[in-house]
Amino acid sequence: MRLVHLSLSDVQHQGSATHRSTWLKVDEFSRLSSVPFPRLPGMTTGTELPLFAAIAEGLAASTAPTPPEPGATDAHRVPLLSTPVYDAFLMTWPIGAGVDDHAHETIVAISIVAGEFDETVADAAGHVVVRRLRVGTTVQLPAGRRHRVVNVGAGVGTTVHVHERIPA
């Protein structure tokens, strides 16, 4: 597991600027989803940060595995948070549940809370890769990147998804 340093200078808070610094775990596959990230107020200039992956990972760290509805066979999505910049969802996946090949119009990040998933994705060069996503793994895909996700674990899966909002 690699670590990436994240440094954010907070927007003025009660008249004084503060600085926060932390280390984030980044999944070995993050290089497949390396894209320029939006600059938000307070972000250190000159760096490219996996912003939506960091948000997904933080939300996943405070989320418990969630059982599916009785008799459910498909993945179920529940809104967690909506901001002007992103929407976050909690998804519950029964054994064998998945979503077909699709692409998102904006950046999307997925963090695994429980279970084991296979994600089929094309890397930046167009090669199809199947990557195993386990508890604690967080990945981020650029807008337009096609992928497919399936719960291949022996139990119910829970994931947190963060989708960049389309600018108005």
C-alpha atoms as a PDB file:
ATOM      1  CA  MET A   1       0.000   0.000   0.000  1.00  0.00           C
ATOM      2  CA  ARG A   2       1.464   3.357  -1.074  1.00  0.00           C
ATOM      3  CA  LEU A   3       0.977   6.563   0.853  1.00  0.00           C
ATOM      4  CA  VAL A   4       0.343   9.931  -0.735  1.00  0.00           C
ATOM      5  CA  HIS A   5       0.771  13.166   1.168  1.00  0.00           C
ATOM      6  CA  LEU A   6      -2.282  15.433   1.148  1.00  0.00           C
ATOM      7  CA  SER A   7      -1.829  19.023   2.219  1.00  0.00           C
ATOM      8  CA  LEU A   8      -4.680  21.481   2.416  1.00  0.00           C
ATOM      9  CA  SER A   9      -4.658  25.046   3.653  1.00  0.00           C
ATOM     10  CA  ASP A  10      -8.020  25.794   5.158  1.00  0.00           C
ATOM     11  CA  VAL A  11     -10.019  28.790   4.064  1.00  0.00           C
ATOM     12  CA  GLN A  12      -9.957  31.571   6.674  1.00  0.00           C
ATOM     13  CA  HIS A  13     -11.473  30.268   9.894  1.00  0.00           C
ATOM     14  CA  GLN A  14     -12.263  32.795  12.596  1.00  0.00           C
ATOM     15  CA  GLY A  15      -9.753  35.252  11.182  1.00  0.00           C
ATOM     16  CA  SER A  16      -6.715  32.980  10.873  1.00  0.00           C
ATOM     17  CA  ALA A  17      -5.573  30.567   8.190  1.00  0.00           C
ATOM     18  CA  THR A  18      -4.692  27.068   9.333  1.00  0.00           C
ATOM     19  CA  HIS A  19      -2.817  24.289   7.596  1.00  0.00           C
ATOM     20  CA  ARG A  20      -3.676  20.593   7.687  1.00  0.00           C
ATOM     21  CA  SER A  21      -1.495  17.777   6.521  1.00  0.00           C
ATOM     22  CA  THR A  22      -2.214  14.060   6.437  1.00  0.00           C
ATOM     23  CA  TRP A  23      -1.190  10.826   4.727  1.00  0.00           C
ATOM     24  CA  LEU A  24      -3.656   8.903   2.581  1.00  0.00           C
ATOM     25  CA  LYS A  25      -3.492   5.234   1.591  1.00  0.00           C
ATOM     26  CA  VAL A  26      -3.723   4.929  -2.176  1.00  0.00           C
ATOM     27  CA  ASP A  27      -4.495   1.632  -3.876  1.00  0.00           C
ATOM     28  CA  GLU A  28      -1.855   0.256  -6.240  1.00  0.00           C
ATOM     29  CA  PHE A  29      -4.274   0.715  -9.138  1.00  0.00           C
ATOM     30  CA  SER A  30      -4.633   4.454  -8.640  1.00  0.00           C
ATOM     31  CA  ARG A  31      -2.137   5.001 -11.452  1.00  0.00           C
ATOM     32  CA  LEU A  32      -4.831   3.693 -13.830  1.00  0.00           C
ATOM     33  CA  SER A  33      -7.085   6.575 -12.902  1.00  0.00           C
ATOM     34  CA  SER A  34      -4.570   9.397 -12.768  1.00  0.00           C
ATOM     35  CA  VAL A  35      -6.250  12.555 -14.029  1.00  0.00           C
ATOM     36  CA  PRO A  36      -5.926  16.267 -13.295  1.00  0.00           C
ATOM     37  CA  PHE A  37      -8.130  17.117 -10.327  1.00  0.00           C
ATOM     38  CA  PRO A  38     -10.197  20.252  -9.836  1.00  0.00           C
ATOM     39  CA  ARG A  39      -8.714  23.040  -7.766  1.00  0.00           C
ATOM     40  CA  LEU A  40     -10.933  23.974  -4.862  1.00  0.00           C
ATOM     41  CA  PRO A  41     -10.489  26.908  -2.483  1.00  0.00           C
ATOM     42  CA  GLY A  42      -7.742  26.092   0.004  1.00  0.00           C
ATOM     43  CA  MET A  43      -6.024  23.438  -2.097  1.00  0.00           C
ATOM     44  CA  THR A  44      -2.256  23.637  -2.358  1.00  0.00           C
ATOM     45  CA  THR A  45      -1.410  24.835  -5.863  1.00  0.00           C
ATOM     46  CA  GLY A  46       0.788  22.816  -8.183  1.00  0.00           C
ATOM     47  CA  THR A  47      -0.338  19.405  -6.921  1.00  0.00           C
ATOM     48  CA  GLU A  48      -2.680  16.808  -8.357  1.00  0.00           C
ATOM     49  CA  LEU A  49      -4.652  15.101  -5.609  1.00  0.00           C
ATOM     50  CA  PRO A  50      -7.081  12.177  -5.826  1.00  0.00           C
ATOM     51  CA  LEU A  51      -9.729  14.436  -4.299  1.00  0.00           C
ATOM     52  CA  PHE A  52     -12.811  12.294  -4.821  1.00  0.00           C
ATOM     53  CA  ALA A  53     -10.937   9.145  -3.771  1.00  0.00           C
ATOM     54  CA  ALA A  54      -9.909  10.885  -0.541  1.00  0.00           C
ATOM     55  CA  ILE A  55     -13.532  11.863   0.127  1.00  0.00           C
ATOM     56  CA  ALA A  56     -14.776   8.316  -0.593  1.00  0.00           C
ATOM     57  CA  GLU A  57     -12.106   6.829   1.660  1.00  0.00           C
ATOM     58  CA  GLY A  58     -12.982   9.198   4.489  1.00  0.00           C
ATOM     59  CA  LEU A  59     -16.694   8.422   4.234  1.00  0.00           C
ATOM     60  CA  ALA A  60     -15.985   4.680   4.035  1.00  0.00           C
ATOM     61  CA  ALA A  61     -13.887   4.853   7.223  1.00  0.00           C
ATOM     62  CA  SER A  62     -16.966   6.080   9.103  1.00  0.00           C
ATOM     63  CA  THR A  63     -19.434   3.670   7.472  1.00  0.00           C
ATOM     64  CA  ALA A  64     -20.414   0.219   8.732  1.00  0.00           C
ATOM     65  CA  PRO A  65     -21.153  -2.723   6.427  1.00  0.00           C
ATOM     66  CA  THR A  66     -24.853  -2.622   5.556  1.00  0.00           C
ATOM     67  CA  PRO A  67     -27.047  -5.668   4.855  1.00  0.00           C
ATOM     68  CA  PRO A  68     -29.206  -5.644   1.721  1.00  0.00           C
ATOM     69  CA  GLU A  69     -32.979  -5.572   1.821  1.00  0.00           C
ATOM     70  CA  PRO A  70     -34.417  -9.095   2.402  1.00  0.00           C
ATOM     71  CA  GLY A  71     -34.620 -10.966  -0.896  1.00  0.00           C
ATOM     72  CA  ALA A  72     -32.605  -8.349  -2.823  1.00  0.00           C
ATOM     73  CA  THR A  73     -30.615  -9.623  -5.800  1.00  0.00           C
ATOM     74  CA  ASP A  74     -29.443  -6.276  -7.221  1.00  0.00           C
ATOM     75  CA  ALA A  75     -27.173  -3.586  -5.818  1.00  0.00           C
ATOM     76  CA  HIS A  76     -29.048  -0.933  -3.850  1.00  0.00           C
ATOM     77  CA  ARG A  77     -27.985   2.728  -3.643  1.00  0.00           C
ATOM     78  CA  VAL A  78     -28.759   5.155  -0.799  1.00  0.00           C
ATOM     79  CA  PRO A  79     -27.724   8.843  -0.870  1.00  0.00           C
ATOM     80  CA  LEU A  80     -25.214   9.792   1.842  1.00  0.00           C
ATOM     81  CA  LEU A  81     -24.299  13.374   1.034  1.00  0.00           C
ATOM     82  CA  SER A  82     -24.869  15.981  -1.652  1.00  0.00           C
ATOM     83  CA  THR A  83     -22.688  19.071  -2.082  1.00  0.00           C
ATOM     84  CA  PRO A  84     -22.204  21.592  -4.901  1.00  0.00           C
ATOM     85  CA  VAL A  85     -19.071  19.635  -5.950  1.00  0.00           C
ATOM     86  CA  TYR A  86     -20.008  15.962  -5.462  1.00  0.00           C
ATOM     87  CA  ASP A  87     -22.690  13.446  -4.480  1.00  0.00           C
ATOM     88  CA  ALA A  88     -21.897  10.462  -2.235  1.00  0.00           C
ATOM     89  CA  PHE A  89     -23.813   7.180  -2.098  1.00  0.00           C
ATOM     90  CA  LEU A  90     -23.723   4.030  -0.006  1.00  0.00           C
ATOM     91  CA  MET A  91     -24.265   0.871  -2.045  1.00  0.00           C
ATOM     92  CA  THR A  92     -25.145  -2.583  -0.757  1.00  0.00           C
ATOM     93  CA  TRP A  93     -24.380  -5.556  -3.001  1.00  0.00           C
ATOM     94  CA  PRO A  94     -25.824  -9.060  -2.453  1.00  0.00           C
ATOM     95  CA  ILE A  95     -23.512 -11.937  -3.387  1.00  0.00           C
ATOM     96  CA  GLY A  96     -23.048 -11.986  -7.173  1.00  0.00           C
ATOM     97  CA  ALA A  97     -24.711  -8.591  -7.737  1.00  0.00           C
ATOM     98  CA  GLY A  98     -23.088  -6.266 -10.216  1.00  0.00           C
ATOM     99  CA  VAL A  99     -23.539  -3.415 -12.639  1.00  0.00           C
ATOM    100  CA  ASP A 100     -23.062  -3.780 -16.378  1.00  0.00           C
ATOM    101  CA  ASP A 101     -20.358  -2.035 -18.351  1.00  0.00           C
ATOM    102  CA  HIS A 102     -20.956   1.716 -18.194  1.00  0.00           C
ATOM    103  CA  ALA A 103     -19.196   5.087 -18.029  1.00  0.00           C
ATOM    104  CA  HIS A 104     -19.823   8.166 -15.912  1.00  0.00           C
ATOM    105  CA  GLU A 105     -19.914  11.709 -17.309  1.00  0.00           C
ATOM    106  CA  THR A 106     -17.745  12.900 -14.427  1.00  0.00           C
ATOM    107  CA  ILE A 107     -15.030  11.614 -12.079  1.00  0.00           C
ATOM    108  CA  VAL A 108     -16.163   8.771  -9.798  1.00  0.00           C
ATOM    109  CA  ALA A 109     -14.415   7.180  -6.810  1.00  0.00           C
ATOM    110  CA  ILE A 110     -15.274   3.894  -5.085  1.00  0.00           C
ATOM    111  CA  SER A 111     -14.156   2.796  -1.617  1.00  0.00           C
ATOM    112  CA  ILE A 112     -14.751  -0.756  -0.378  1.00  0.00           C
ATOM    113  CA  VAL A 113     -16.296  -1.000   3.110  1.00  0.00           C
ATOM    114  CA  ALA A 114     -17.099  -4.740   3.079  1.00  0.00           C
ATOM    115  CA  GLY A 115     -16.855  -7.581   0.579  1.00  0.00           C
ATOM    116  CA  GLU A 116     -14.708  -8.302  -2.434  1.00  0.00           C
ATOM    117  CA  PHE A 117     -15.335  -6.990  -5.938  1.00  0.00           C
ATOM    118  CA  ASP A 118     -13.953  -7.422  -9.432  1.00  0.00           C
ATOM    119  CA  GLU A 119     -13.836  -4.248 -11.470  1.00  0.00           C
ATOM    120  CA  THR A 120     -13.260  -4.559 -15.193  1.00  0.00           C
ATOM    121  CA  VAL A 121     -11.835  -1.305 -16.523  1.00  0.00           C
ATOM    122  CA  ALA A 122      -9.862  -0.048 -19.494  1.00  0.00           C
ATOM    123  CA  ASP A 123      -6.613   1.632 -18.463  1.00  0.00           C
ATOM    124  CA  ALA A 124      -5.420   4.899 -20.026  1.00  0.00           C
ATOM    125  CA  ALA A 125      -3.853   2.956 -22.931  1.00  0.00           C
ATOM    126  CA  GLY A 126      -7.121   1.130 -23.638  1.00  0.00           C
ATOM    127  CA  HIS A 127      -6.048  -2.263 -22.229  1.00  0.00           C
ATOM    128  CA  VAL A 128      -8.796  -4.089 -20.352  1.00  0.00           C
ATOM    129  CA  VAL A 129      -7.792  -4.915 -16.780  1.00  0.00           C
ATOM    130  CA  VAL A 130      -9.685  -6.838 -14.110  1.00  0.00           C
ATOM    131  CA  ARG A 131      -8.703  -5.656 -10.680  1.00  0.00           C
ATOM    132  CA  ARG A 132      -9.739  -7.161  -7.351  1.00  0.00           C
ATOM    133  CA  LEU A 133     -11.071  -4.557  -4.935  1.00  0.00           C
ATOM    134  CA  ARG A 134     -10.944  -5.570  -1.265  1.00  0.00           C
ATOM    135  CA  VAL A 135     -11.875  -3.892   2.013  1.00  0.00           C
ATOM    136  CA  GLY A 136      -9.894  -0.675   2.374  1.00  0.00           C
ATOM    137  CA  THR A 137      -9.293  -0.281  -1.373  1.00  0.00           C
ATOM    138  CA  THR A 138     -10.230   3.035  -2.961  1.00  0.00           C
ATOM    139  CA  VAL A 139     -10.090   3.730  -6.699  1.00  0.00           C
ATOM    140  CA  GLN A 140     -10.903   6.770  -8.796  1.00  0.00           C
ATOM    141  CA  LEU A 141     -11.888   6.816 -12.464  1.00  0.00           C
ATOM    142  CA  PRO A 142     -11.726   9.797 -14.798  1.00  0.00           C
ATOM    143  CA  ALA A 143     -14.855  10.965 -16.596  1.00  0.00           C
ATOM    144  CA  GLY A 144     -15.764   8.734 -19.515  1.00  0.00           C
ATOM    145  CA  ARG A 145     -13.762   5.672 -18.388  1.00  0.00           C
ATOM    146  CA  ARG A 146     -15.885   2.536 -18.874  1.00  0.00           C
ATOM    147  CA  HIS A 147     -16.039  -0.039 -16.090  1.00  0.00           C
ATOM    148  CA  ARG A 148     -18.055  -2.940 -14.696  1.00  0.00           C
ATOM    149  CA  VAL A 149     -18.281  -3.924 -11.003  1.00  0.00           C
ATOM    150  CA  VAL A 150     -19.364  -7.300  -9.529  1.00  0.00           C
ATOM    151  CA  ASN A 151     -19.460  -8.558  -5.928  1.00  0.00           C
ATOM    152  CA  VAL A 152     -17.378 -11.747  -6.179  1.00  0.00           C
ATOM    153  CA  GLY A 153     -16.967 -12.208  -2.427  1.00  0.00           C
ATOM    154  CA  ALA A 154     -18.506 -14.869  -0.220  1.00  0.00           C
ATOM    155  CA  GLY A 155     -20.720 -12.312   1.521  1.00  0.00           C
ATOM    156  CA  VAL A 156     -22.638  -9.089   1.141  1.00  0.00           C
ATOM    157  CA  GLY A 157     -20.611  -6.114  -0.063  1.00  0.00           C
ATOM    158  CA  THR A 158     -20.829  -2.462   0.943  1.00  0.00           C
ATOM    159  CA  THR A 159     -19.213   0.396  -0.989  1.00  0.00           C
ATOM    160  CA  VAL A 160     -19.111   4.185  -0.880  1.00  0.00           C
ATOM    161  CA  HIS A 161     -19.272   6.017  -4.220  1.00  0.00           C
ATOM    162  CA  VAL A 162     -18.436   9.671  -4.781  1.00  0.00           C
ATOM    163  CA  HIS A 163     -19.513  11.230  -8.093  1.00  0.00           C
ATOM    164  CA  GLU A 164     -18.314  14.622  -9.201  1.00  0.00           C
ATOM    165  CA  ARG A 165     -21.293  16.859  -9.957  1.00  0.00           C
ATOM    166  CA  ILE A 166     -21.678  18.233 -13.443  1.00  0.00           C
ATOM    167  CA  PRO A 167     -20.887  21.948 -13.312  1.00  0.00           C
ATOM    168  CA  ALA A 168     -23.960  24.087 -13.980  1.00  0.00           C
END
